[in-house]
Protein backbone atom coordinates (compact mmCIF):
# COMPACT_ATOMS: atom_id res chain seq x y z
CA MET A 1 76.47 6.19 -37.37
CA SER A 2 75.89 9.66 -36.06
CA ASP A 3 78.93 12.09 -35.97
CA LEU A 4 81.10 13.88 -33.19
CA ASP A 5 82.14 17.60 -33.42
CA ILE A 6 84.74 17.86 -30.64
CA SER A 7 86.27 21.63 -30.04
CA TRP A 8 89.46 22.50 -29.24
CA ASP A 9 88.54 23.68 -26.00
CA GLU A 10 86.45 20.18 -25.39
CA TYR A 11 89.70 18.32 -26.56
CA HIS A 12 92.18 20.11 -24.20
CA GLN A 13 89.43 19.51 -21.29
CA SER A 14 88.96 15.87 -22.54
CA ILE A 15 93.14 15.64 -22.20
CA GLU A 16 93.07 17.33 -18.48
CA LEU A 17 89.78 15.01 -16.91
CA LEU A 18 92.27 12.49 -18.60
CA ALA A 19 95.69 13.40 -17.16
CA ALA A 20 93.04 13.07 -13.50
CA LYS A 21 91.93 9.32 -14.20
CA ILE A 22 95.39 8.68 -14.11
CA PHE A 23 96.08 10.60 -11.29
CA GLU A 24 93.87 9.48 -9.48
CA SER A 25 94.21 5.92 -9.90
CA GLY A 26 97.19 6.07 -8.17
CA TRP A 27 99.53 3.92 -10.84
CA GLU A 28 103.04 5.67 -11.33
CA PHE A 29 104.97 4.88 -14.56
CA ASP A 30 108.35 5.92 -16.31
CA ARG A 31 107.79 6.38 -19.43
CA ILE A 32 104.62 7.32 -22.06
CA VAL A 33 104.33 5.93 -25.80
CA CYS A 34 101.82 7.92 -27.67
CA LEU A 35 100.61 6.38 -31.22
CA ALA A 36 101.13 8.52 -33.67
CA ARG A 37 99.49 10.63 -35.75
CA GLY A 38 96.82 10.70 -33.00
CA GLY A 39 97.72 10.45 -29.82
CA LEU A 40 100.68 12.46 -30.08
CA ARG A 41 99.39 16.03 -29.47
CA VAL A 42 97.02 13.87 -26.18
CA GLY A 43 101.50 12.14 -25.47
CA ASP A 44 102.59 15.35 -25.69
CA ILE A 45 100.04 17.01 -23.23
CA LEU A 46 100.49 14.02 -20.76
CA SER A 47 103.96 14.30 -20.63
CA ARG A 48 104.01 17.92 -19.10
CA ILE A 49 101.52 17.37 -16.33
CA PHE A 50 103.20 14.48 -15.29
CA HIS A 51 107.16 15.19 -16.25
CA GLN A 52 107.71 11.90 -17.63
CA PRO A 53 110.34 11.30 -21.01
CA LEU A 54 107.71 10.91 -24.03
CA ALA A 55 108.56 8.06 -27.08
CA ILE A 56 106.75 8.34 -30.37
CA LEU A 57 105.75 5.33 -32.15
CA ALA A 58 104.31 5.43 -35.29
CA ALA A 59 100.60 3.75 -36.75
CA SER A 60 98.33 3.45 -39.02
CA SER A 61 95.14 1.49 -39.50
CA TYR A 62 93.23 4.36 -41.70
CA GLY A 63 93.44 5.87 -45.71
CA GLY A 64 91.41 6.92 -48.52
CA ASP A 65 90.19 9.63 -49.51
CA SER A 66 88.54 10.64 -46.68
CA GLU A 67 90.88 9.08 -44.19
CA GLN A 68 87.69 6.97 -42.92
CA GLU A 69 88.83 3.33 -44.81
CA ARG A 70 90.53 1.33 -42.43
CA GLY A 71 92.67 -1.10 -43.63
CA LYS A 72 95.79 -3.44 -42.26
CA LEU A 73 97.53 -1.92 -39.41
CA SER A 74 100.97 -0.48 -40.23
CA ILE A 75 103.54 0.00 -36.99
CA ALA A 76 106.84 1.09 -38.16
CA SER A 77 109.83 -0.79 -37.09
CA GLN A 78 110.90 1.34 -34.64
CA ILE A 79 110.33 4.23 -31.40
CA THR A 80 111.33 7.04 -31.68
CA MET A 81 112.87 7.95 -28.07
CA THR A 82 115.78 10.19 -26.39
CA SER A 83 117.24 7.04 -24.33
CA ASP A 84 118.66 3.54 -24.94
CA ARG A 85 115.96 1.79 -22.61
CA LEU A 86 111.74 2.36 -22.84
CA GLY A 87 111.57 1.49 -19.42
CA SER A 88 108.93 -0.94 -17.10
CA ARG A 89 106.16 0.93 -16.36
CA VAL A 90 104.56 2.42 -19.78
CA LEU A 91 101.55 4.14 -20.74
CA LEU A 92 100.57 3.47 -23.66
CA VAL A 93 98.50 6.74 -25.15
CA ASP A 94 96.02 7.00 -28.16
CA ASP A 95 93.31 9.59 -29.07
CA LEU A 96 90.65 6.57 -29.09
CA VAL A 97 90.30 2.96 -29.37
CA ASP A 98 87.80 2.16 -32.10
CA SER A 99 87.64 -1.24 -33.74
CA GLY A 100 90.50 -1.41 -31.22
CA VAL A 101 92.78 -3.54 -33.02
CA THR A 102 95.58 -0.79 -33.21
CA LEU A 103 96.12 -0.28 -29.57
CA GLN A 104 95.59 -4.53 -28.88
CA GLN A 105 98.51 -5.13 -31.77
CA THR A 106 100.59 -2.02 -30.59
CA VAL A 107 100.20 -3.73 -27.03
CA GLY A 108 101.94 -6.15 -27.97
CA TRP A 109 104.12 -5.34 -30.34
CA LEU A 110 105.77 -3.13 -27.33
CA LYS A 111 106.12 -6.63 -25.40
CA ASP A 112 107.63 -8.37 -27.83
CA ARG A 113 110.18 -5.56 -28.64
CA TYR A 114 110.73 -4.30 -25.38
CA PRO A 115 111.18 -7.34 -22.48
CA GLU A 116 112.24 -4.60 -19.85
CA ILE A 117 108.32 -4.06 -19.97
CA GLU A 118 107.03 -4.96 -16.23
CA GLU A 119 104.08 -3.50 -16.97
CA LEU A 120 101.63 -1.39 -19.43
CA LYS A 121 98.57 0.46 -19.31
CA THR A 122 96.52 2.20 -21.55
CA ALA A 123 94.85 5.83 -22.06
CA VAL A 124 92.85 7.09 -24.48
CA ILE A 125 90.16 9.93 -24.04
CA TRP A 126 86.83 8.02 -26.62
CA TYR A 127 86.78 4.31 -26.31
CA LYS A 128 83.94 3.41 -28.71
CA ASP A 129 81.88 0.34 -27.77
CA CYS A 130 82.43 -1.25 -31.23
CA SER A 131 86.09 -1.95 -29.53
CA ILE A 132 87.80 -4.95 -29.36
CA CYS A 133 89.80 -4.32 -26.25
CA VAL A 134 88.85 -2.09 -23.02
CA PRO A 135 91.48 0.99 -22.51
CA ASP A 136 92.33 1.35 -18.78
CA TYR A 137 91.78 4.87 -18.50
CA TYR A 138 89.47 6.61 -20.23
CA VAL A 139 87.31 9.81 -20.45
CA SER A 140 84.21 9.31 -22.77
CA TYR A 141 82.67 5.83 -23.67
CA LEU A 142 80.59 6.21 -26.66
CA PRO A 143 77.91 3.18 -27.32
CA GLU A 144 76.58 4.43 -30.66
CA ASN A 145 80.41 4.69 -32.25
CA PRO A 146 80.05 8.08 -33.56
CA TRP A 147 82.55 9.90 -36.50
CA ILE A 148 84.87 11.69 -34.23
CA HIS A 149 86.11 14.95 -35.99
CA GLN A 150 88.87 16.53 -33.90
CA PRO A 151 89.50 20.70 -34.50
CA PHE A 152 92.77 19.57 -35.98
CA GLU A 153 90.95 17.41 -39.13
CA LYS A 154 90.44 20.84 -40.85
CA TYR A 155 93.98 20.80 -41.77
CA ASP A 156 93.69 17.15 -44.01
CA ASN A 157 91.77 19.29 -45.80
CA TYR A 158 93.80 21.65 -47.40
CA SER A 159 96.44 20.87 -50.07
CA ARG A 160 100.30 22.42 -51.37
CA THR A 161 98.03 24.71 -53.81
CA THR A 162 95.97 26.17 -52.21
């Protein structure tokens, strides 16, 4: 498996391309839910572009020393948002879909807990071939399933002693 190194410019351009694909589809939504951590930056930028409120849901399935070991998915018990209702048309965003487990289970989690959701679509920058689900919107399809090195990962190597 090869690696894919992404610069800040490529990262931001990809988010803008994702926004263009969503806009061109004509689909309108009333809330963005981003998956933290990877989807935080994507969700923030899309929230600003579309002028829609952002909600944050923490979910994690990676760990270990290199943060590259896939484990059991852990989803927070609640969403952080500034209103009482989530909305009926929700765009769920993350940075990428790898195995697809996080995206698939999060969709189910949202629909179970928020019956007001009438329509939910998903958006990511990178969609890997090994995924068990296909996002509604994505920028890059990656048939070789590379490990993606995003520009902010350099901060993962910082410690309190440096």
